Amino acid sequence: MNILLIETATQICSVALAAEGKVVARRESDTPNAHSTSLSVFIDEVLEESCLTPRELSAVCVSAGPGSYTGLRIGVSTAKGFCYALGIPLLSVPTLLSMAALYYWRHPDYKGLVCPMIDARRMECYTMMVDPALNILRETTADIIEDGCFDEWLDRGEVMFVGDGAEKTMDVLSKHPNSRYDNAFCLSAEGMLELAISRLREGKMEDVAYFEPFYLKDFVAKKSVVHGLR
């Protein structure tokens, strides 16, 4: 069972290839706006490194959001293209759940809750609350981060905040004694593996024609800052 994993929901462009339940190749970049130029290259490279052809893929799993509108569109469009051309299943995993899964996988001894956070500009973050069994205790929400906003959970025990949203809100949330941070955490397509395998075995595939990323908020176009454009 060979699964291509695509993560483009944030600034990080990450691609991994899993064979028989293990990641055998991975490529990542945190260069801004690298998704459009790097994604296809990374896919070619992980396939070549693994000595596999696209037709040997069993499925493609893509990070479903929320996150960057452009990044999500690029990742989902690429995943759909592979699945449609090869006639293989399309799988999707909520980005925040993937982040929590990655943290627990890298820290098997941690028994507290994980709150993955994606920066949604200003003091707003996309958040979720997840336990060690990967049960979603609090669904994806766009939160304004302010004093006391997670005390309901922090009063029960340790909560590990991870992601680029956690970095910018540390001054607010770190006041609670049960608040924990991992500044070394970095989002990766590897976090989707366990969830992708589970979805494939359970037959939880997406409709290639109609599947759309989970944006959570509407896309708002900005006025161009390039001289001569309006």
C-alpha atoms as a PDB file:
ATOM      1  CA  MET A   1       0.000   0.000   0.000  1.00  0.00           C
ATOM      2  CA  ASN A   2       1.683   3.190  -1.237  1.00  0.00           C
ATOM      3  CA  ILE A   3       0.142   6.519  -0.203  1.00  0.00           C
ATOM      4  CA  LEU A   4       1.194   9.957  -1.409  1.00  0.00           C
ATOM      5  CA  LEU A   5       0.751  12.588   1.334  1.00  0.00           C
ATOM      6  CA  ILE A   6       0.387  16.286   0.419  1.00  0.00           C
ATOM      7  CA  GLU A   7       0.475  19.136   2.951  1.00  0.00           C
ATOM      8  CA  THR A   8       0.060  22.697   1.611  1.00  0.00           C
ATOM      9  CA  ALA A   9      -2.324  24.309   4.118  1.00  0.00           C
ATOM     10  CA  THR A  10       0.272  26.692   5.566  1.00  0.00           C
ATOM     11  CA  GLN A  11       3.487  28.319   4.415  1.00  0.00           C
ATOM     12  CA  ILE A  12       5.162  24.903   4.580  1.00  0.00           C
ATOM     13  CA  CYS A  13       5.017  22.798   1.425  1.00  0.00           C
ATOM     14  CA  SER A  14       5.481  19.171   2.471  1.00  0.00           C
ATOM     15  CA  VAL A  15       5.223  15.925   0.516  1.00  0.00           C
ATOM     16  CA  ALA A  16       5.784  12.421   1.834  1.00  0.00           C
ATOM     17  CA  LEU A  17       5.484   8.950   0.391  1.00  0.00           C
ATOM     18  CA  ALA A  18       4.467   6.066   2.621  1.00  0.00           C
ATOM     19  CA  ALA A  19       4.952   2.401   1.748  1.00  0.00           C
ATOM     20  CA  GLU A  20       3.504  -0.383   3.875  1.00  0.00           C
ATOM     21  CA  GLY A  21       2.707   1.972   6.729  1.00  0.00           C
ATOM     22  CA  LYS A  22       6.035   3.818   6.898  1.00  0.00           C
ATOM     23  CA  VAL A  23       7.253   7.076   5.398  1.00  0.00           C
ATOM     24  CA  VAL A  24      10.043   6.213   2.982  1.00  0.00           C
ATOM     25  CA  ALA A  25      10.650   9.624   1.387  1.00  0.00           C
ATOM     26  CA  ARG A  26       9.897  13.244   2.244  1.00  0.00           C
ATOM     27  CA  ARG A  27      10.493  16.709   0.842  1.00  0.00           C
ATOM     28  CA  GLU A  28       9.693  20.008   2.564  1.00  0.00           C
ATOM     29  CA  SER A  29      10.202  23.741   2.168  1.00  0.00           C
ATOM     30  CA  ASP A  30       9.164  26.728   4.255  1.00  0.00           C
ATOM     31  CA  THR A  31      10.017  29.220   1.509  1.00  0.00           C
ATOM     32  CA  PRO A  32       7.089  31.662   1.133  1.00  0.00           C
ATOM     33  CA  ASN A  33       4.801  30.976  -1.835  1.00  0.00           C
ATOM     34  CA  ALA A  34       6.736  27.835  -2.786  1.00  0.00           C
ATOM     35  CA  HIS A  35       3.700  25.616  -3.292  1.00  0.00           C
ATOM     36  CA  SER A  36       3.116  26.394  -6.970  1.00  0.00           C
ATOM     37  CA  THR A  37       6.752  25.861  -7.931  1.00  0.00           C
ATOM     38  CA  SER A  38       7.808  23.119  -5.513  1.00  0.00           C
ATOM     39  CA  LEU A  39       4.866  20.743  -5.095  1.00  0.00           C
ATOM     40  CA  SER A  40       5.169  18.888  -8.405  1.00  0.00           C
ATOM     41  CA  VAL A  41       8.956  18.760  -8.074  1.00  0.00           C
ATOM     42  CA  PHE A  42       8.709  17.283  -4.580  1.00  0.00           C
ATOM     43  CA  ILE A  43       6.229  14.640  -5.767  1.00  0.00           C
ATOM     44  CA  ASP A  44       8.554  13.600  -8.585  1.00  0.00           C
ATOM     45  CA  GLU A  45      11.480  13.430  -6.173  1.00  0.00           C
ATOM     46  CA  VAL A  46       9.787  11.262  -3.526  1.00  0.00           C
ATOM     47  CA  LEU A  47       8.549   8.865  -6.199  1.00  0.00           C
ATOM     48  CA  GLU A  48      12.014   8.621  -7.711  1.00  0.00           C
ATOM     49  CA  GLU A  49      13.662   8.143  -4.316  1.00  0.00           C
ATOM     50  CA  SER A  50      11.212   5.349  -3.516  1.00  0.00           C
ATOM     51  CA  CYS A  51      11.702   3.712  -6.926  1.00  0.00           C
ATOM     52  CA  LEU A  52       7.969   3.942  -7.594  1.00  0.00           C
ATOM     53  CA  THR A  53       5.909   5.183 -10.513  1.00  0.00           C
ATOM     54  CA  PRO A  54       2.623   7.093 -10.123  1.00  0.00           C
ATOM     55  CA  ARG A  55       0.715   3.991 -11.224  1.00  0.00           C
ATOM     56  CA  GLU A  56       2.000   2.139  -8.173  1.00  0.00           C
ATOM     57  CA  LEU A  57       0.232   4.557  -5.826  1.00  0.00           C
ATOM     58  CA  SER A  58      -2.686   3.146  -3.841  1.00  0.00           C
ATOM     59  CA  ALA A  59      -4.150   6.520  -2.842  1.00  0.00           C
ATOM     60  CA  VAL A  60      -3.401  10.225  -2.410  1.00  0.00           C
ATOM     61  CA  CYS A  61      -4.130  12.003   0.876  1.00  0.00           C
ATOM     62  CA  VAL A  62      -4.292  15.785   1.064  1.00  0.00           C
ATOM     63  CA  SER A  63      -4.453  18.173   3.996  1.00  0.00           C
ATOM     64  CA  ALA A  64      -8.002  19.551   3.886  1.00  0.00           C
ATOM     65  CA  GLY A  65      -7.635  22.801   5.835  1.00  0.00           C
ATOM     66  CA  PRO A  66      -8.272  25.246   7.245  1.00  0.00           C
ATOM     67  CA  GLY A  67      -5.312  27.346   6.224  1.00  0.00           C
ATOM     68  CA  SER A  68      -3.986  29.274   3.269  1.00  0.00           C
ATOM     69  CA  TYR A  69      -6.598  29.659   0.546  1.00  0.00           C
ATOM     70  CA  THR A  70      -4.028  29.499  -2.243  1.00  0.00           C
ATOM     71  CA  GLY A  71      -2.036  26.690  -0.647  1.00  0.00           C
ATOM     72  CA  LEU A  72      -5.117  24.552  -0.132  1.00  0.00           C
ATOM     73  CA  ARG A  73      -6.285  25.099  -3.715  1.00  0.00           C
ATOM     74  CA  ILE A  74      -2.913  24.034  -5.085  1.00  0.00           C
ATOM     75  CA  GLY A  75      -2.672  20.939  -2.889  1.00  0.00           C
ATOM     76  CA  VAL A  76      -6.227  19.743  -3.493  1.00  0.00           C
ATOM     77  CA  SER A  77      -6.082  20.400  -7.245  1.00  0.00           C
ATOM     78  CA  THR A  78      -2.854  18.422  -7.522  1.00  0.00           C
ATOM     79  CA  ALA A  79      -4.239  15.533  -5.460  1.00  0.00           C
ATOM     80  CA  LYS A  80      -7.413  15.447  -7.552  1.00  0.00           C
ATOM     81  CA  GLY A  81      -5.389  15.367 -10.752  1.00  0.00           C
ATOM     82  CA  PHE A  82      -3.451  12.312  -9.640  1.00  0.00           C
ATOM     83  CA  CYS A  83      -6.541  10.480  -8.379  1.00  0.00           C
ATOM     84  CA  TYR A  84      -8.587  11.211 -11.504  1.00  0.00           C
ATOM     85  CA  ALA A  85      -5.810  10.231 -13.912  1.00  0.00           C
ATOM     86  CA  LEU A  86      -4.851   7.071 -12.045  1.00  0.00           C
ATOM     87  CA  GLY A  87      -8.314   6.022 -10.859  1.00  0.00           C
ATOM     88  CA  ILE A  88      -7.206   5.798  -7.217  1.00  0.00           C
ATOM     89  CA  PRO A  89      -8.909   6.989  -3.991  1.00  0.00           C
ATOM     90  CA  LEU A  90      -8.695  10.579  -2.791  1.00  0.00           C
ATOM     91  CA  LEU A  91      -8.348  10.895   0.985  1.00  0.00           C
ATOM     92  CA  SER A  92      -8.394  14.026   3.119  1.00  0.00           C
ATOM     93  CA  VAL A  93      -7.384  14.812   6.688  1.00  0.00           C
ATOM     94  CA  PRO A  94      -8.221  17.981   8.681  1.00  0.00           C
ATOM     95  CA  THR A  95      -5.016  19.986   8.909  1.00  0.00           C
ATOM     96  CA  LEU A  96      -5.304  20.625  12.652  1.00  0.00           C
ATOM     97  CA  LEU A  97      -5.931  16.954  13.404  1.00  0.00           C
ATOM     98  CA  SER A  98      -2.882  16.071  11.326  1.00  0.00           C
ATOM     99  CA  MET A  99      -0.817  18.498  13.412  1.00  0.00           C
ATOM    100  CA  ALA A 100      -1.985  16.889  16.651  1.00  0.00           C
ATOM    101  CA  ALA A 101      -1.320  13.394  15.292  1.00  0.00           C
ATOM    102  CA  LEU A 102       2.193  14.438  14.318  1.00  0.00           C
ATOM    103  CA  TYR A 103       2.906  15.816  17.777  1.00  0.00           C
ATOM    104  CA  TYR A 104       1.685  12.667  19.547  1.00  0.00           C
ATOM    105  CA  TRP A 105       3.640  10.472  17.124  1.00  0.00           C
ATOM    106  CA  ARG A 106       6.831  12.385  17.851  1.00  0.00           C
ATOM    107  CA  HIS A 107       6.174  12.487  21.627  1.00  0.00           C
ATOM    108  CA  PRO A 108       4.619   9.108  22.579  1.00  0.00           C
ATOM    109  CA  ASP A 109       5.094   9.744  26.314  1.00  0.00           C
ATOM    110  CA  TYR A 110       3.021  12.934  26.361  1.00  0.00           C
ATOM    111  CA  LYS A 111      -0.407  12.285  27.916  1.00  0.00           C
ATOM    112  CA  GLY A 112      -1.972  15.756  27.925  1.00  0.00           C
ATOM    113  CA  LEU A 113      -4.138  17.439  25.320  1.00  0.00           C
ATOM    114  CA  VAL A 114      -2.822  19.051  22.158  1.00  0.00           C
ATOM    115  CA  CYS A 115      -4.211  22.284  20.738  1.00  0.00           C
ATOM    116  CA  PRO A 116      -2.882  22.799  17.202  1.00  0.00           C
ATOM    117  CA  MET A 117      -3.061  26.431  16.072  1.00  0.00           C
ATOM    118  CA  ILE A 118      -2.783  27.978  12.615  1.00  0.00           C
ATOM    119  CA  ASP A 119      -2.246  31.710  12.295  1.00  0.00           C
ATOM    120  CA  ALA A 120      -5.349  33.376  10.835  1.00  0.00           C
ATOM    121  CA  ARG A 121      -3.913  36.930  11.060  1.00  0.00           C
ATOM    122  CA  ARG A 122      -3.987  39.488  13.849  1.00  0.00           C
ATOM    123  CA  MET A 123      -4.863  37.689  17.114  1.00  0.00           C
ATOM    124  CA  GLU A 124      -7.085  35.118  15.436  1.00  0.00           C
ATOM    125  CA  CYS A 125      -6.149  31.449  15.063  1.00  0.00           C
ATOM    126  CA  TYR A 126      -7.719  28.289  13.718  1.00  0.00           C
ATOM    127  CA  THR A 127      -7.732  25.837  16.619  1.00  0.00           C
ATOM    128  CA  MET A 128      -8.838  22.350  17.641  1.00  0.00           C
ATOM    129  CA  MET A 129      -8.538  20.322  20.861  1.00  0.00           C
ATOM    130  CA  VAL A 130      -7.338  16.719  20.574  1.00  0.00           C
ATOM    131  CA  ASP A 131      -6.622  13.952  23.094  1.00  0.00           C
ATOM    132  CA  PRO A 132      -3.915  11.221  22.887  1.00  0.00           C
ATOM    133  CA  ALA A 133      -6.336   8.821  21.174  1.00  0.00           C
ATOM    134  CA  LEU A 134      -6.828  11.470  18.455  1.00  0.00           C
ATOM    135  CA  ASN A 135     -10.396  12.099  19.552  1.00  0.00           C
ATOM    136  CA  ILE A 136     -11.495  15.604  18.612  1.00  0.00           C
ATOM    137  CA  LEU A 137     -12.736  17.195  21.827  1.00  0.00           C
ATOM    138  CA  ARG A 138     -13.318  20.600  20.265  1.00  0.00           C
ATOM    139  CA  GLU A 139     -13.979  20.978  16.559  1.00  0.00           C
ATOM    140  CA  THR A 140     -12.133  23.404  14.316  1.00  0.00           C
ATOM    141  CA  THR A 141     -12.853  26.995  15.326  1.00  0.00           C
ATOM    142  CA  ALA A 142     -11.582  30.455  14.433  1.00  0.00           C
ATOM    143  CA  ASP A 143     -10.712  31.954  17.830  1.00  0.00           C
ATOM    144  CA  ILE A 144      -9.716  35.437  18.909  1.00  0.00           C
ATOM    145  CA  ILE A 145      -6.923  34.662  21.363  1.00  0.00           C
ATOM    146  CA  GLU A 146      -7.348  36.564  24.615  1.00  0.00           C
ATOM    147  CA  ASP A 147      -6.884  36.027  28.342  1.00  0.00           C
ATOM    148  CA  GLY A 148      -8.834  33.044  29.639  1.00  0.00           C
ATOM    149  CA  CYS A 149     -10.046  31.768  26.262  1.00  0.00           C
ATOM    150  CA  PHE A 150      -8.734  28.222  26.910  1.00  0.00           C
ATOM    151  CA  ASP A 151      -9.060  28.119  30.703  1.00  0.00           C
ATOM    152  CA  GLU A 152     -11.882  25.565  30.409  1.00  0.00           C
ATOM    153  CA  TRP A 153      -9.317  23.084  29.088  1.00  0.00           C
ATOM    154  CA  LEU A 154      -6.233  24.298  30.922  1.00  0.00           C
ATOM    155  CA  ASP A 155      -7.967  23.951  34.297  1.00  0.00           C
ATOM    156  CA  ARG A 156      -8.288  20.206  33.612  1.00  0.00           C
ATOM    157  CA  GLY A 157      -4.588  19.592  32.939  1.00  0.00           C
ATOM    158  CA  GLU A 158      -1.730  20.209  30.538  1.00  0.00           C
ATOM    159  CA  VAL A 159      -2.417  21.525  27.062  1.00  0.00           C
ATOM    160  CA  MET A 160       0.356  21.599  24.458  1.00  0.00           C
ATOM    161  CA  PHE A 161      -0.041  24.462  21.990  1.00  0.00           C
ATOM    162  CA  VAL A 162       1.717  23.879  18.663  1.00  0.00           C
ATOM    163  CA  GLY A 163       1.885  25.579  15.281  1.00  0.00           C
ATOM    164  CA  ASP A 164       2.559  29.063  13.946  1.00  0.00           C
ATOM    165  CA  GLY A 165      -0.539  30.357  15.716  1.00  0.00           C
ATOM    166  CA  ALA A 166       0.840  29.192  19.049  1.00  0.00           C
ATOM    167  CA  GLU A 167       4.044  31.124  18.565  1.00  0.00           C
ATOM    168  CA  LYS A 168       2.306  34.473  18.206  1.00  0.00           C
ATOM    169  CA  THR A 169      -0.086  33.923  21.159  1.00  0.00           C
ATOM    170  CA  MET A 170       2.431  32.655  23.702  1.00  0.00           C
ATOM    171  CA  ASP A 171       2.410  35.897  25.694  1.00  0.00           C
ATOM    172  CA  VAL A 172      -1.343  35.527  26.269  1.00  0.00           C
ATOM    173  CA  LEU A 173      -1.736  31.788  26.850  1.00  0.00           C
ATOM    174  CA  SER A 174       1.483  31.072  28.742  1.00  0.00           C
ATOM    175  CA  LYS A 175       0.076  32.807  31.843  1.00  0.00           C
ATOM    176  CA  HIS A 176      -1.768  29.601  32.854  1.00  0.00           C
ATOM    177  CA  PRO A 177       0.430  27.064  34.718  1.00  0.00           C
ATOM    178  CA  ASN A 178      -0.852  24.160  32.591  1.00  0.00           C
ATOM    179  CA  SER A 179       0.009  25.854  29.312  1.00  0.00           C
ATOM    180  CA  ARG A 180       2.813  24.158  27.353  1.00  0.00           C
ATOM    181  CA  TYR A 181       4.585  25.064  24.117  1.00  0.00           C
ATOM    182  CA  ASP A 182       6.811  23.273  21.626  1.00  0.00           C
ATOM    183  CA  ASN A 183       8.569  25.964  19.622  1.00  0.00           C
ATOM    184  CA  ALA A 184      10.439  23.316  17.634  1.00  0.00           C
ATOM    185  CA  PHE A 185       7.243  21.829  16.202  1.00  0.00           C
ATOM    186  CA  CYS A 186       7.022  22.003  12.410  1.00  0.00           C
ATOM    187  CA  LEU A 187       4.053  20.903  10.319  1.00  0.00           C
ATOM    188  CA  SER A 188       4.766  17.949   8.019  1.00  0.00           C
ATOM    189  CA  ALA A 189       2.882  15.652   5.659  1.00  0.00           C
ATOM    190  CA  GLU A 190       4.058  12.780   7.889  1.00  0.00           C
ATOM    191  CA  GLY A 191       1.316  13.705  10.354  1.00  0.00           C
ATOM    192  CA  MET A 192      -1.343  12.479   7.928  1.00  0.00           C
ATOM    193  CA  LEU A 193      -0.054   8.910   7.635  1.00  0.00           C
ATOM    194  CA  GLU A 194      -1.890   7.145  10.479  1.00  0.00           C
ATOM    195  CA  LEU A 195      -5.118   8.986   9.680  1.00  0.00           C
ATOM    196  CA  ALA A 196      -4.812   8.298   5.947  1.00  0.00           C
ATOM    197  CA  ILE A 197      -4.318   4.573   6.497  1.00  0.00           C
ATOM    198  CA  SER A 198      -7.349   4.477   8.797  1.00  0.00           C
ATOM    199  CA  ARG A 199      -9.531   6.306   6.264  1.00  0.00           C
ATOM    200  CA  LEU A 200      -8.434   4.063   3.420  1.00  0.00           C
ATOM    201  CA  ARG A 201      -9.173   0.887   5.377  1.00  0.00           C
ATOM    202  CA  GLU A 202     -12.567   2.230   6.444  1.00  0.00           C
ATOM    203  CA  GLY A 203     -13.454   3.266   2.902  1.00  0.00           C
ATOM    204  CA  LYS A 204     -13.714   6.973   3.778  1.00  0.00           C
ATOM    205  CA  MET A 205     -12.806   8.348   0.358  1.00  0.00           C
ATOM    206  CA  GLU A 206     -13.636  11.769  -1.047  1.00  0.00           C
ATOM    207  CA  ASP A 207     -15.532  12.433  -4.261  1.00  0.00           C
ATOM    208  CA  VAL A 208     -12.816  13.525  -6.703  1.00  0.00           C
ATOM    209  CA  ALA A 209     -15.251  15.697  -8.653  1.00  0.00           C
ATOM    210  CA  TYR A 210     -16.866  17.539  -5.755  1.00  0.00           C
ATOM    211  CA  PHE A 211     -14.398  17.607  -2.870  1.00  0.00           C
ATOM    212  CA  GLU A 212     -13.412  21.114  -1.733  1.00  0.00           C
ATOM    213  CA  PRO A 213     -10.958  22.241   0.959  1.00  0.00           C
ATOM    214  CA  PHE A 214     -12.268  23.416   4.320  1.00  0.00           C
ATOM    215  CA  TYR A 215     -11.499  27.133   4.252  1.00  0.00           C
ATOM    216  CA  LEU A 216     -13.542  28.025   7.385  1.00  0.00           C
ATOM    217  CA  LYS A 217     -13.463  31.690   6.378  1.00  0.00           C
ATOM    218  CA  ASP A 218     -14.303  33.260   3.030  1.00  0.00           C
ATOM    219  CA  PHE A 219     -11.439  34.279   0.797  1.00  0.00           C
ATOM    220  CA  VAL A 220     -10.905  38.031   0.755  1.00  0.00           C
ATOM    221  CA  ALA A 221      -8.905  39.474  -2.132  1.00  0.00           C
ATOM    222  CA  LYS A 222      -6.403  42.155  -1.213  1.00  0.00           C
ATOM    223  CA  LYS A 223      -5.698  45.274  -3.194  1.00  0.00           C
ATOM    224  CA  SER A 224      -2.527  44.815  -5.183  1.00  0.00           C
ATOM    225  CA  VAL A 225       0.555  46.579  -3.891  1.00  0.00           C
ATOM    226  CA  VAL A 226       2.313  46.244  -7.256  1.00  0.00           C
ATOM    227  CA  HIS A 227       2.713  49.592  -8.990  1.00  0.00           C
ATOM    228  CA  GLY A 228       0.404  49.950 -11.967  1.00  0.00           C
ATOM    229  CA  LEU A 229      -2.081  47.256 -10.861  1.00  0.00           C
ATOM    230  CA  ARG A 230      -5.489  47.905  -9.326  1.00  0.00           C
END
